[in-house]
């Protein structure tokens, strides 16, 4: 339920972003491109920890999981590809959550049990959706709340 709600807010926050403004990172903050890549990557962490197929290769996932270096032009995926991958990442995560049983949720990972990782990542994703909402205003887009 948390991920479904977060995705709804995320879709609203993304309205008005496009290939030209998504790479802007005013005041040294994260761009929408980086934030979306990070969200897509973290949605795949429970899949990676349980040996399930991931949308992105593990070495590509690692680039977006922690401690970001500035985004290099050749690293950014095209905006339309990111939007497509976002939808695919949602579908994969929601499918995983629907089929996960207690033994899957109890698997130990470097970040805790899978159930703990999922709980943390739900709040983590909401945090980054909030960053996108603030980035909208900084870039001159209308706020998501009227």
N, C-alpha and C. Protein backbone atom coordinates (compact mmCIF):
# COMPACT_ATOMS: atom_id res chain seq x y z
N UNK A 1 0.82 -1.18 0.00
CA UNK A 1 0.00 0.00 0.00
C UNK A 1 0.88 1.26 0.00
N UNK A 2 1.94 1.27 0.83
CA UNK A 2 2.83 2.44 0.89
C UNK A 2 3.45 2.74 -0.47
N UNK A 3 3.92 1.69 -1.14
CA UNK A 3 4.55 1.90 -2.44
C UNK A 3 3.54 2.38 -3.47
N UNK A 4 2.33 1.89 -3.41
CA UNK A 4 1.28 2.35 -4.33
C UNK A 4 0.98 3.83 -4.12
N UNK A 5 0.88 4.24 -2.87
CA UNK A 5 0.64 5.66 -2.57
C UNK A 5 1.83 6.51 -3.01
N UNK A 6 3.02 6.05 -2.70
CA UNK A 6 4.22 6.79 -3.07
C UNK A 6 4.31 6.96 -4.58
N UNK A 7 3.98 5.91 -5.31
CA UNK A 7 4.04 6.01 -6.77
C UNK A 7 3.02 7.01 -7.30
N UNK A 8 1.87 7.08 -6.70
CA UNK A 8 0.87 8.07 -7.10
C UNK A 8 1.37 9.49 -6.90
N UNK A 9 1.99 9.74 -5.74
CA UNK A 9 2.57 11.06 -5.48
C UNK A 9 3.73 11.34 -6.43
N UNK A 10 4.51 10.31 -6.70
CA UNK A 10 5.64 10.46 -7.61
C UNK A 10 5.17 10.87 -9.00
N UNK A 11 4.11 10.21 -9.48
CA UNK A 11 3.60 10.55 -10.81
C UNK A 11 3.13 12.00 -10.86
N UNK A 12 2.50 12.47 -9.80
CA UNK A 12 2.06 13.87 -9.74
C UNK A 12 3.27 14.80 -9.71
N UNK A 13 4.29 14.46 -8.93
CA UNK A 13 5.48 15.30 -8.82
C UNK A 13 6.24 15.38 -10.15
N UNK A 14 6.12 14.36 -10.98
CA UNK A 14 6.85 14.33 -12.25
C UNK A 14 6.19 15.16 -13.35
N UNK A 15 4.93 15.56 -13.15
CA UNK A 15 4.24 16.33 -14.18
C UNK A 15 5.00 17.62 -14.46
N UNK A 16 5.27 17.88 -15.71
CA UNK A 16 5.97 19.09 -16.10
C UNK A 16 7.47 18.91 -16.28
N UNK A 17 8.02 17.81 -15.76
CA UNK A 17 9.43 17.53 -16.02
C UNK A 17 9.55 16.96 -17.42
N UNK A 18 10.65 17.28 -18.07
CA UNK A 18 10.89 16.77 -19.41
C UNK A 18 12.40 16.62 -19.60
N UNK A 19 12.80 16.19 -20.78
CA UNK A 19 14.21 15.92 -21.05
C UNK A 19 15.09 17.15 -20.84
N UNK A 20 14.56 18.34 -21.04
CA UNK A 20 15.41 19.52 -20.91
C UNK A 20 15.54 20.02 -19.47
N UNK A 21 14.48 19.95 -18.68
CA UNK A 21 14.60 20.47 -17.31
C UNK A 21 14.96 19.38 -16.29
N UNK A 22 14.87 18.12 -16.65
CA UNK A 22 15.11 17.03 -15.70
C UNK A 22 16.57 16.90 -15.30
N UNK A 23 17.47 17.47 -16.07
CA UNK A 23 18.89 17.37 -15.74
C UNK A 23 19.39 18.57 -14.94
N UNK A 24 18.55 19.55 -14.73
CA UNK A 24 18.96 20.74 -13.97
C UNK A 24 19.05 20.41 -12.48
N UNK A 25 20.09 20.91 -11.85
CA UNK A 25 20.28 20.69 -10.41
C UNK A 25 20.69 21.99 -9.76
N UNK A 26 19.72 22.87 -9.55
CA UNK A 26 20.02 24.16 -8.96
C UNK A 26 20.58 24.04 -7.54
N UNK A 27 21.43 24.95 -7.20
CA UNK A 27 22.01 25.03 -5.86
C UNK A 27 22.76 23.75 -5.47
N UNK A 28 23.25 23.01 -6.47
CA UNK A 28 24.04 21.81 -6.19
C UNK A 28 23.23 20.62 -5.74
N UNK A 29 21.90 20.70 -5.77
CA UNK A 29 21.06 19.58 -5.36
C UNK A 29 20.98 18.51 -6.44
N UNK A 30 20.21 17.50 -6.17
CA UNK A 30 20.02 16.42 -7.13
C UNK A 30 19.05 16.84 -8.23
N UNK A 31 19.32 16.41 -9.43
CA UNK A 31 18.42 16.65 -10.55
C UNK A 31 17.28 15.63 -10.51
N UNK A 32 16.22 15.89 -11.26
CA UNK A 32 15.13 14.93 -11.37
C UNK A 32 15.64 13.64 -12.00
N UNK A 33 16.57 13.76 -12.94
CA UNK A 33 17.15 12.56 -13.57
C UNK A 33 17.85 11.69 -12.53
N UNK A 34 18.65 12.33 -11.66
CA UNK A 34 19.34 11.54 -10.64
C UNK A 34 18.33 10.94 -9.66
N UNK A 35 17.37 11.73 -9.21
CA UNK A 35 16.39 11.24 -8.24
C UNK A 35 15.60 10.07 -8.80
N UNK A 36 15.18 10.17 -10.05
CA UNK A 36 14.41 9.09 -10.66
C UNK A 36 15.26 7.84 -10.81
N UNK A 37 16.52 8.01 -11.22
CA UNK A 37 17.43 6.86 -11.33
C UNK A 37 17.63 6.20 -9.97
N UNK A 38 17.76 7.01 -8.93
CA UNK A 38 17.94 6.50 -7.57
C UNK A 38 16.70 5.73 -7.10
N UNK A 39 15.53 6.27 -7.35
CA UNK A 39 14.29 5.60 -6.96
C UNK A 39 14.16 4.27 -7.70
N UNK A 40 14.43 4.26 -9.00
CA UNK A 40 14.36 3.03 -9.78
C UNK A 40 15.32 1.99 -9.21
N UNK A 41 16.53 2.41 -8.90
CA UNK A 41 17.54 1.48 -8.37
C UNK A 41 17.12 0.93 -7.01
N UNK A 42 16.65 1.80 -6.12
CA UNK A 42 16.30 1.31 -4.79
C UNK A 42 15.07 0.42 -4.81
N UNK A 43 14.18 0.62 -5.76
CA UNK A 43 13.03 -0.29 -5.88
C UNK A 43 13.48 -1.70 -6.22
N UNK A 44 14.66 -1.83 -6.77
CA UNK A 44 15.16 -3.15 -7.17
C UNK A 44 15.99 -3.83 -6.09
N UNK A 45 16.31 -3.10 -5.02
CA UNK A 45 17.15 -3.68 -3.96
C UNK A 45 16.55 -4.96 -3.36
N UNK A 46 15.26 -4.99 -2.99
CA UNK A 46 14.73 -6.25 -2.45
C UNK A 46 14.82 -7.40 -3.45
N UNK A 47 14.67 -7.09 -4.72
CA UNK A 47 14.79 -8.13 -5.76
C UNK A 47 16.22 -8.65 -5.81
N UNK A 48 17.17 -7.72 -5.79
CA UNK A 48 18.58 -8.08 -5.85
C UNK A 48 18.97 -8.92 -4.63
N UNK A 49 18.51 -8.51 -3.44
CA UNK A 49 18.87 -9.23 -2.22
C UNK A 49 18.31 -10.64 -2.18
N UNK A 50 17.24 -10.89 -2.90
CA UNK A 50 16.62 -12.23 -2.88
C UNK A 50 16.96 -13.04 -4.12
N UNK A 51 17.83 -12.52 -4.97
CA UNK A 51 18.24 -13.26 -6.16
C UNK A 51 17.23 -13.21 -7.30
N UNK A 52 16.25 -12.35 -7.20
CA UNK A 52 15.27 -12.20 -8.27
C UNK A 52 15.87 -11.36 -9.41
N UNK A 53 15.28 -11.47 -10.58
CA UNK A 53 15.74 -10.67 -11.71
C UNK A 53 15.51 -9.19 -11.43
N UNK A 54 16.47 -8.37 -11.84
CA UNK A 54 16.35 -6.93 -11.70
C UNK A 54 16.29 -6.30 -13.09
N UNK A 55 15.70 -5.14 -13.14
CA UNK A 55 15.58 -4.40 -14.39
C UNK A 55 16.95 -3.96 -14.89
N UNK A 56 17.77 -3.44 -13.98
CA UNK A 56 19.12 -3.00 -14.32
C UNK A 56 20.13 -4.01 -13.80
N UNK A 57 21.26 -4.09 -14.45
CA UNK A 57 22.34 -4.99 -14.03
C UNK A 57 22.89 -4.53 -12.68
N UNK A 58 23.35 -5.46 -11.84
CA UNK A 58 23.84 -5.09 -10.51
C UNK A 58 24.89 -3.98 -10.51
N UNK A 59 25.82 -4.00 -11.46
CA UNK A 59 26.85 -2.95 -11.47
C UNK A 59 26.24 -1.57 -11.78
N UNK A 60 25.17 -1.53 -12.56
CA UNK A 60 24.48 -0.27 -12.85
C UNK A 60 23.67 0.16 -11.63
N UNK A 61 23.08 -0.79 -10.94
CA UNK A 61 22.32 -0.48 -9.72
C UNK A 61 23.22 0.18 -8.67
N UNK A 62 24.42 -0.33 -8.53
CA UNK A 62 25.32 0.19 -7.50
C UNK A 62 25.60 1.67 -7.68
N UNK A 63 25.62 2.15 -8.91
CA UNK A 63 25.89 3.57 -9.19
C UNK A 63 24.85 4.47 -8.53
N UNK A 64 23.64 3.97 -8.38
CA UNK A 64 22.53 4.82 -7.93
C UNK A 64 22.10 4.54 -6.50
N UNK A 65 22.72 3.60 -5.84
CA UNK A 65 22.22 3.23 -4.51
C UNK A 65 22.70 4.14 -3.39
N UNK A 66 23.95 4.61 -3.42
CA UNK A 66 24.45 5.39 -2.28
C UNK A 66 25.55 6.34 -2.70
N UNK A 67 25.74 7.36 -1.86
CA UNK A 67 26.86 8.29 -2.00
C UNK A 67 27.08 8.74 -3.44
N UNK A 68 26.19 9.53 -3.97
CA UNK A 68 26.29 9.88 -5.38
C UNK A 68 27.47 10.80 -5.70
N UNK A 69 28.15 10.44 -6.74
CA UNK A 69 29.11 11.34 -7.36
C UNK A 69 28.30 12.17 -8.35
N UNK A 70 28.80 13.32 -8.74
CA UNK A 70 28.05 14.10 -9.74
C UNK A 70 27.77 13.27 -10.99
N UNK A 71 26.59 13.44 -11.51
CA UNK A 71 26.16 12.68 -12.68
C UNK A 71 26.95 13.12 -13.91
N UNK A 72 27.55 12.17 -14.58
CA UNK A 72 28.27 12.45 -15.82
C UNK A 72 27.28 12.34 -16.98
N UNK A 73 27.48 13.14 -18.01
CA UNK A 73 26.54 13.19 -19.13
C UNK A 73 26.33 11.81 -19.75
N UNK A 74 27.37 10.99 -19.83
CA UNK A 74 27.23 9.68 -20.47
C UNK A 74 26.55 8.65 -19.57
N UNK A 75 26.31 8.98 -18.31
CA UNK A 75 25.65 8.05 -17.39
C UNK A 75 24.13 8.18 -17.40
N UNK A 76 23.64 9.33 -17.73
CA UNK A 76 22.20 9.59 -17.65
C UNK A 76 21.46 8.85 -18.75
N UNK A 77 20.40 8.18 -18.35
CA UNK A 77 19.52 7.58 -19.34
C UNK A 77 18.60 8.66 -19.89
N UNK A 78 18.11 8.44 -21.09
CA UNK A 78 17.16 9.38 -21.68
C UNK A 78 15.93 9.45 -20.79
N UNK A 79 15.33 10.63 -20.70
CA UNK A 79 14.18 10.87 -19.83
C UNK A 79 13.05 9.89 -20.12
N UNK A 80 12.73 9.68 -21.38
CA UNK A 80 11.65 8.74 -21.73
C UNK A 80 11.99 7.32 -21.28
N UNK A 81 13.26 6.94 -21.38
CA UNK A 81 13.67 5.61 -20.91
C UNK A 81 13.53 5.51 -19.39
N UNK A 82 13.89 6.58 -18.68
CA UNK A 82 13.73 6.58 -17.22
C UNK A 82 12.27 6.43 -16.83
N UNK A 83 11.38 7.13 -17.52
CA UNK A 83 9.95 7.01 -17.22
C UNK A 83 9.46 5.59 -17.47
N UNK A 84 9.92 4.98 -18.54
CA UNK A 84 9.55 3.59 -18.83
C UNK A 84 10.11 2.65 -17.77
N UNK A 85 11.38 2.86 -17.39
CA UNK A 85 12.00 2.02 -16.36
C UNK A 85 11.33 2.23 -15.01
N UNK A 86 10.85 3.43 -14.75
CA UNK A 86 10.13 3.69 -13.50
C UNK A 86 8.88 2.82 -13.43
N UNK A 87 8.13 2.78 -14.51
CA UNK A 87 6.92 1.95 -14.55
C UNK A 87 7.28 0.47 -14.40
N UNK A 88 8.32 0.04 -15.10
CA UNK A 88 8.74 -1.36 -14.99
C UNK A 88 9.21 -1.69 -13.58
N UNK A 89 9.91 -0.74 -12.94
CA UNK A 89 10.39 -1.00 -11.57
C UNK A 89 9.22 -1.10 -10.60
N UNK A 90 8.19 -0.30 -10.82
CA UNK A 90 7.00 -0.37 -9.98
C UNK A 90 6.33 -1.73 -10.14
N UNK A 91 6.16 -2.14 -11.39
CA UNK A 91 5.50 -3.43 -11.65
C UNK A 91 6.29 -4.58 -11.03
N UNK A 92 7.61 -4.55 -11.17
CA UNK A 92 8.44 -5.63 -10.61
C UNK A 92 8.36 -5.65 -9.09
N UNK A 93 8.45 -4.47 -8.46
CA UNK A 93 8.40 -4.42 -7.00
C UNK A 93 7.03 -4.84 -6.49
N UNK A 94 5.97 -4.35 -7.10
CA UNK A 94 4.62 -4.71 -6.65
C UNK A 94 4.37 -6.21 -6.83
N UNK A 95 4.88 -6.78 -7.92
CA UNK A 95 4.76 -8.23 -8.12
C UNK A 95 5.53 -9.00 -7.06
N UNK A 96 6.73 -8.51 -6.74
CA UNK A 96 7.54 -9.14 -5.71
C UNK A 96 6.81 -9.09 -4.36
N UNK A 97 6.29 -7.92 -4.02
CA UNK A 97 5.60 -7.77 -2.74
C UNK A 97 4.35 -8.65 -2.65
N UNK A 98 3.65 -8.78 -3.75
CA UNK A 98 2.43 -9.60 -3.76
C UNK A 98 2.75 -11.08 -3.57
N UNK A 99 3.93 -11.51 -4.00
CA UNK A 99 4.25 -12.94 -3.93
C UNK A 99 5.20 -13.30 -2.79
N UNK A 100 5.74 -12.31 -2.08
CA UNK A 100 6.71 -12.58 -1.02
C UNK A 100 6.03 -13.29 0.15
N UNK A 101 6.65 -14.36 0.61
CA UNK A 101 6.14 -15.06 1.78
C UNK A 101 7.05 -14.78 2.97
N UNK A 102 6.71 -15.34 4.11
CA UNK A 102 7.47 -15.06 5.33
C UNK A 102 8.93 -15.47 5.19
N UNK A 103 9.20 -16.57 4.51
CA UNK A 103 10.60 -17.00 4.38
C UNK A 103 11.39 -16.01 3.53
N UNK A 104 10.77 -15.42 2.52
CA UNK A 104 11.44 -14.41 1.70
C UNK A 104 11.68 -13.15 2.51
N UNK A 105 10.68 -12.71 3.25
CA UNK A 105 10.80 -11.49 4.04
C UNK A 105 11.81 -11.63 5.17
N UNK A 106 12.13 -12.86 5.56
CA UNK A 106 13.04 -13.13 6.67
C UNK A 106 14.50 -13.30 6.21
N UNK A 107 14.76 -13.21 4.91
CA UNK A 107 16.12 -13.37 4.40
C UNK A 107 16.99 -12.24 4.93
N UNK A 108 18.19 -12.61 5.42
CA UNK A 108 19.16 -11.62 5.88
C UNK A 108 19.87 -11.01 4.68
N UNK A 109 20.07 -9.69 4.71
CA UNK A 109 20.80 -8.97 3.68
C UNK A 109 21.84 -8.10 4.39
N UNK A 110 22.75 -7.49 3.66
CA UNK A 110 23.70 -6.57 4.31
C UNK A 110 23.02 -5.38 4.98
N UNK A 111 21.76 -5.13 4.63
CA UNK A 111 21.03 -3.98 5.19
C UNK A 111 19.95 -4.41 6.19
N UNK A 112 19.95 -5.65 6.62
CA UNK A 112 18.93 -6.16 7.52
C UNK A 112 18.07 -7.20 6.82
N UNK A 113 17.02 -7.63 7.46
CA UNK A 113 16.11 -8.59 6.84
C UNK A 113 15.36 -7.91 5.68
N UNK A 114 14.94 -8.69 4.71
CA UNK A 114 14.23 -8.14 3.56
C UNK A 114 13.03 -7.32 4.01
N UNK A 115 12.32 -7.78 5.02
CA UNK A 115 11.15 -7.02 5.51
C UNK A 115 11.57 -5.65 6.02
N UNK A 116 12.72 -5.56 6.67
CA UNK A 116 13.21 -4.28 7.17
C UNK A 116 13.65 -3.36 6.03
N UNK A 117 14.26 -3.96 5.03
CA UNK A 117 14.69 -3.19 3.85
C UNK A 117 13.46 -2.59 3.16
N UNK A 118 12.43 -3.37 2.98
CA UNK A 118 11.21 -2.91 2.31
C UNK A 118 10.58 -1.76 3.11
N UNK A 119 10.53 -1.91 4.42
CA UNK A 119 9.95 -0.86 5.27
C UNK A 119 10.75 0.43 5.17
N UNK A 120 12.07 0.32 5.28
CA UNK A 120 12.92 1.50 5.16
C UNK A 120 12.75 2.15 3.79
N UNK A 121 12.78 1.35 2.73
CA UNK A 121 12.74 1.92 1.38
C UNK A 121 11.41 2.60 1.06
N UNK A 122 10.34 2.20 1.70
CA UNK A 122 9.06 2.91 1.50
C UNK A 122 9.17 4.34 1.99
N UNK A 123 9.73 4.53 3.19
CA UNK A 123 9.92 5.89 3.72
C UNK A 123 10.97 6.64 2.91
N UNK A 124 12.01 5.95 2.51
CA UNK A 124 13.08 6.54 1.70
C UNK A 124 12.54 7.07 0.38
N UNK A 125 11.69 6.30 -0.28
CA UNK A 125 11.12 6.75 -1.54
C UNK A 125 10.24 7.98 -1.34
N UNK A 126 9.46 7.99 -0.27
CA UNK A 126 8.62 9.16 0.02
C UNK A 126 9.47 10.41 0.22
N UNK A 127 10.61 10.26 0.87
CA UNK A 127 11.53 11.38 1.07
C UNK A 127 11.97 11.96 -0.28
N UNK A 128 12.35 11.08 -1.21
CA UNK A 128 12.82 11.55 -2.51
C UNK A 128 11.68 12.10 -3.37
N UNK A 129 10.48 11.61 -3.20
CA UNK A 129 9.33 12.21 -3.88
C UNK A 129 9.16 13.65 -3.38
N UNK A 130 9.36 13.87 -2.08
CA UNK A 130 9.32 15.23 -1.54
C UNK A 130 10.40 16.12 -2.13
N UNK A 131 11.58 15.55 -2.37
CA UNK A 131 12.63 16.33 -3.02
C UNK A 131 12.20 16.75 -4.42
N UNK A 132 11.58 15.84 -5.15
CA UNK A 132 11.09 16.18 -6.49
C UNK A 132 10.05 17.29 -6.42
N UNK A 133 9.18 17.23 -5.42
CA UNK A 133 8.16 18.27 -5.27
C UNK A 133 8.81 19.62 -5.02
N UNK A 134 9.85 19.67 -4.21
CA UNK A 134 10.56 20.92 -3.95
C UNK A 134 11.33 21.38 -5.19
N UNK A 135 11.94 20.44 -5.89
CA UNK A 135 12.68 20.77 -7.11
C UNK A 135 11.76 21.42 -8.14
N UNK A 136 10.53 20.96 -8.21
CA UNK A 136 9.56 21.58 -9.12
C UNK A 136 9.49 23.08 -8.89
N UNK A 137 9.33 23.46 -7.64
CA UNK A 137 9.18 24.88 -7.30
C UNK A 137 10.45 25.66 -7.61
N UNK A 138 11.59 25.09 -7.31
CA UNK A 138 12.86 25.76 -7.59
C UNK A 138 13.01 26.02 -9.09
N UNK A 139 12.53 25.06 -9.90
CA UNK A 139 12.65 25.19 -11.35
C UNK A 139 11.51 26.04 -11.95
N UNK A 140 10.61 26.54 -11.12
CA UNK A 140 9.54 27.40 -11.61
C UNK A 140 8.29 26.67 -12.06
N UNK A 141 8.22 25.36 -11.80
CA UNK A 141 7.02 24.60 -12.12
C UNK A 141 6.01 24.81 -10.99
N UNK A 142 4.72 24.71 -11.29
CA UNK A 142 3.75 24.87 -10.22
C UNK A 142 3.88 23.77 -9.16
N UNK A 143 3.60 24.12 -7.93
CA UNK A 143 3.65 23.14 -6.86
C UNK A 143 2.60 22.06 -7.06
N UNK A 144 2.83 20.90 -6.48
CA UNK A 144 1.88 19.80 -6.62
C UNK A 144 0.67 19.97 -5.73
N UNK A 145 0.80 20.76 -4.68
CA UNK A 145 -0.33 21.06 -3.81
C UNK A 145 -0.83 22.45 -4.14
N UNK A 146 -2.09 22.58 -4.33
CA UNK A 146 -2.67 23.88 -4.69
C UNK A 146 -3.30 24.51 -3.47
